[in-house]
Amino acid sequence: MLKAQETGAVVTVTDDTFAALVLAADRPVVVDFWAEWCPPCRAISKSLGELADEFGDRMTVATINTDENPTTTRAYRIMSLPTLLVFRRGELVGSTVGARPKSHLRQALSTHIEP
């Protein structure tokens, strides 16, 4: 079985590992759909890394390159980048499209963390 992460690390997922690392996760997972050519994607990557440290073992922060993983990208109908999807127990429970300040991301994501 694949293990998602060490505490606070951002996990890279692929079409092959998405089900094991995201859908089968025992804690909430936010997945950042991004691409190398996307400036707003790069703009939020530092904030997501810091939030991964902040959330620790309460939420997994994952990234997936849309150009390299078209199956998952199509399955979730990702049309704009960056797109953040939040999963809990295999269910899609939230989304954010576009670059947002770290404070907005923290607030949006923290609502999906179980107390």
Protein backbone atom coordinates (compact mmCIF):
# COMPACT_ATOMS: atom_id res chain seq x y z
CA MET A 1 0.00 0.00 0.00
CA LEU A 2 1.25 3.47 -0.85
CA LYS A 3 1.91 5.84 2.03
CA ALA A 4 0.88 9.42 1.39
CA GLN A 5 3.52 11.48 3.12
CA GLU A 6 5.69 12.43 5.96
CA THR A 7 4.05 15.10 8.10
CA GLY A 8 4.00 18.44 6.33
CA ALA A 9 5.38 17.30 2.99
CA VAL A 10 3.62 18.03 -0.30
CA VAL A 11 2.89 14.76 -2.10
CA THR A 12 3.10 14.33 -5.87
CA VAL A 13 0.34 12.13 -7.25
CA THR A 14 -0.13 10.72 -10.75
CA ASP A 15 -2.87 8.98 -12.70
CA ASP A 16 -1.46 5.71 -11.35
CA THR A 17 -1.31 6.75 -7.67
CA PHE A 18 -4.36 9.03 -7.40
CA ALA A 19 -6.76 6.37 -6.12
CA ALA A 20 -4.36 5.08 -3.47
CA LEU A 21 -3.01 8.41 -2.25
CA VAL A 22 -6.13 10.57 -2.54
CA LEU A 23 -9.31 8.51 -2.69
CA ALA A 24 -8.19 5.90 -0.14
CA ALA A 25 -6.60 8.42 2.25
CA ASP A 26 -7.67 8.31 5.89
CA ARG A 27 -7.54 12.11 6.21
CA PRO A 28 -8.66 15.01 4.02
CA VAL A 29 -6.56 15.61 0.90
CA VAL A 30 -6.32 18.82 -1.13
CA VAL A 31 -5.09 18.21 -4.66
CA ASP A 32 -3.50 21.05 -6.60
CA PHE A 33 -4.04 20.56 -10.33
CA TRP A 34 -1.25 22.57 -12.01
CA ALA A 35 0.99 22.83 -15.08
CA GLU A 36 4.54 24.01 -15.64
CA TRP A 37 3.42 26.76 -18.04
CA CYS A 38 0.90 28.24 -15.56
CA PRO A 39 2.20 31.36 -13.70
CA PRO A 40 -0.69 31.41 -11.17
CA CYS A 41 0.10 27.78 -10.35
CA ARG A 42 3.66 28.73 -9.43
CA ALA A 43 2.31 31.66 -7.42
CA ILE A 44 0.37 29.43 -5.01
CA SER A 45 2.88 26.57 -4.77
CA LYS A 46 4.88 28.23 -1.96
CA SER A 47 1.70 28.92 0.02
CA LEU A 48 0.56 25.32 -0.38
CA GLY A 49 3.94 24.07 0.85
CA GLU A 50 3.68 26.29 3.91
CA LEU A 51 0.10 25.14 4.53
CA ALA A 52 1.23 21.51 4.27
CA ASP A 53 3.63 22.22 7.14
CA GLU A 54 0.95 24.09 9.07
CA PHE A 55 -1.73 21.41 8.66
CA GLY A 56 0.74 18.64 9.49
CA ASP A 57 -0.99 15.28 9.80
CA ARG A 58 -4.52 16.78 9.76
CA MET A 59 -4.61 17.24 5.95
CA THR A 60 -2.53 15.98 3.06
CA VAL A 61 -1.49 18.51 0.42
CA ALA A 62 -0.93 16.89 -2.98
CA THR A 63 -0.08 18.12 -6.47
CA ILE A 64 -0.77 16.62 -9.87
CA ASN A 65 0.69 17.87 -13.14
CA THR A 66 -2.23 18.11 -15.57
CA ASP A 67 -0.06 17.79 -18.68
CA GLU A 68 1.51 14.55 -17.47
CA ASN A 69 -1.69 13.07 -15.99
CA PRO A 70 -4.54 13.59 -18.46
CA THR A 71 -6.75 10.76 -17.20
CA THR A 72 -7.31 12.24 -13.74
CA THR A 73 -7.50 15.75 -15.19
CA ARG A 74 -10.30 14.70 -17.55
CA ALA A 75 -12.08 12.63 -14.89
CA TYR A 76 -12.50 15.71 -12.69
CA ARG A 77 -13.20 18.03 -15.65
CA ILE A 78 -10.37 20.41 -14.82
CA MET A 79 -10.74 23.37 -17.20
CA SER A 80 -8.81 26.15 -15.41
CA LEU A 81 -5.53 26.19 -13.53
CA PRO A 82 -4.77 26.16 -10.74
CA THR A 83 -7.69 24.16 -9.44
CA LEU A 84 -7.70 22.81 -5.90
CA LEU A 85 -10.01 19.90 -5.13
CA VAL A 86 -10.59 18.69 -1.58
CA PHE A 87 -11.40 15.04 -0.92
CA ARG A 88 -12.53 13.42 2.29
CA ARG A 89 -12.94 9.66 2.51
CA GLY A 90 -12.83 9.41 -1.29
CA GLU A 91 -15.54 12.02 -1.88
CA LEU A 92 -15.04 15.41 -3.51
CA VAL A 93 -16.11 17.92 -0.83
CA GLY A 94 -14.71 21.25 -2.00
CA SER A 95 -12.96 23.18 -4.74
CA THR A 96 -11.18 26.46 -5.40
CA VAL A 97 -10.28 27.72 -8.88
CA GLY A 98 -7.58 30.30 -9.50
CA ALA A 99 -4.73 31.75 -7.47
CA ARG A 100 -5.72 33.00 -4.04
CA PRO A 101 -3.76 34.54 -1.16
CA LYS A 102 -2.45 32.16 1.47
CA SER A 103 -4.96 33.47 4.04
CA HIS A 104 -7.85 32.60 1.71
CA LEU A 105 -6.43 29.14 1.02
CA ARG A 106 -5.93 28.49 4.75
CA GLN A 107 -9.53 29.48 5.52
CA ALA A 108 -11.02 27.51 2.60
CA LEU A 109 -9.03 24.36 3.38
CA SER A 110 -9.28 24.42 7.16
CA THR A 111 -13.06 24.02 6.96
CA HIS A 112 -12.46 20.46 5.70
CA ILE A 113 -10.25 19.41 8.58
CA GLU A 114 -12.02 17.30 11.17
CA PRO A 115 -11.74 18.64 14.73
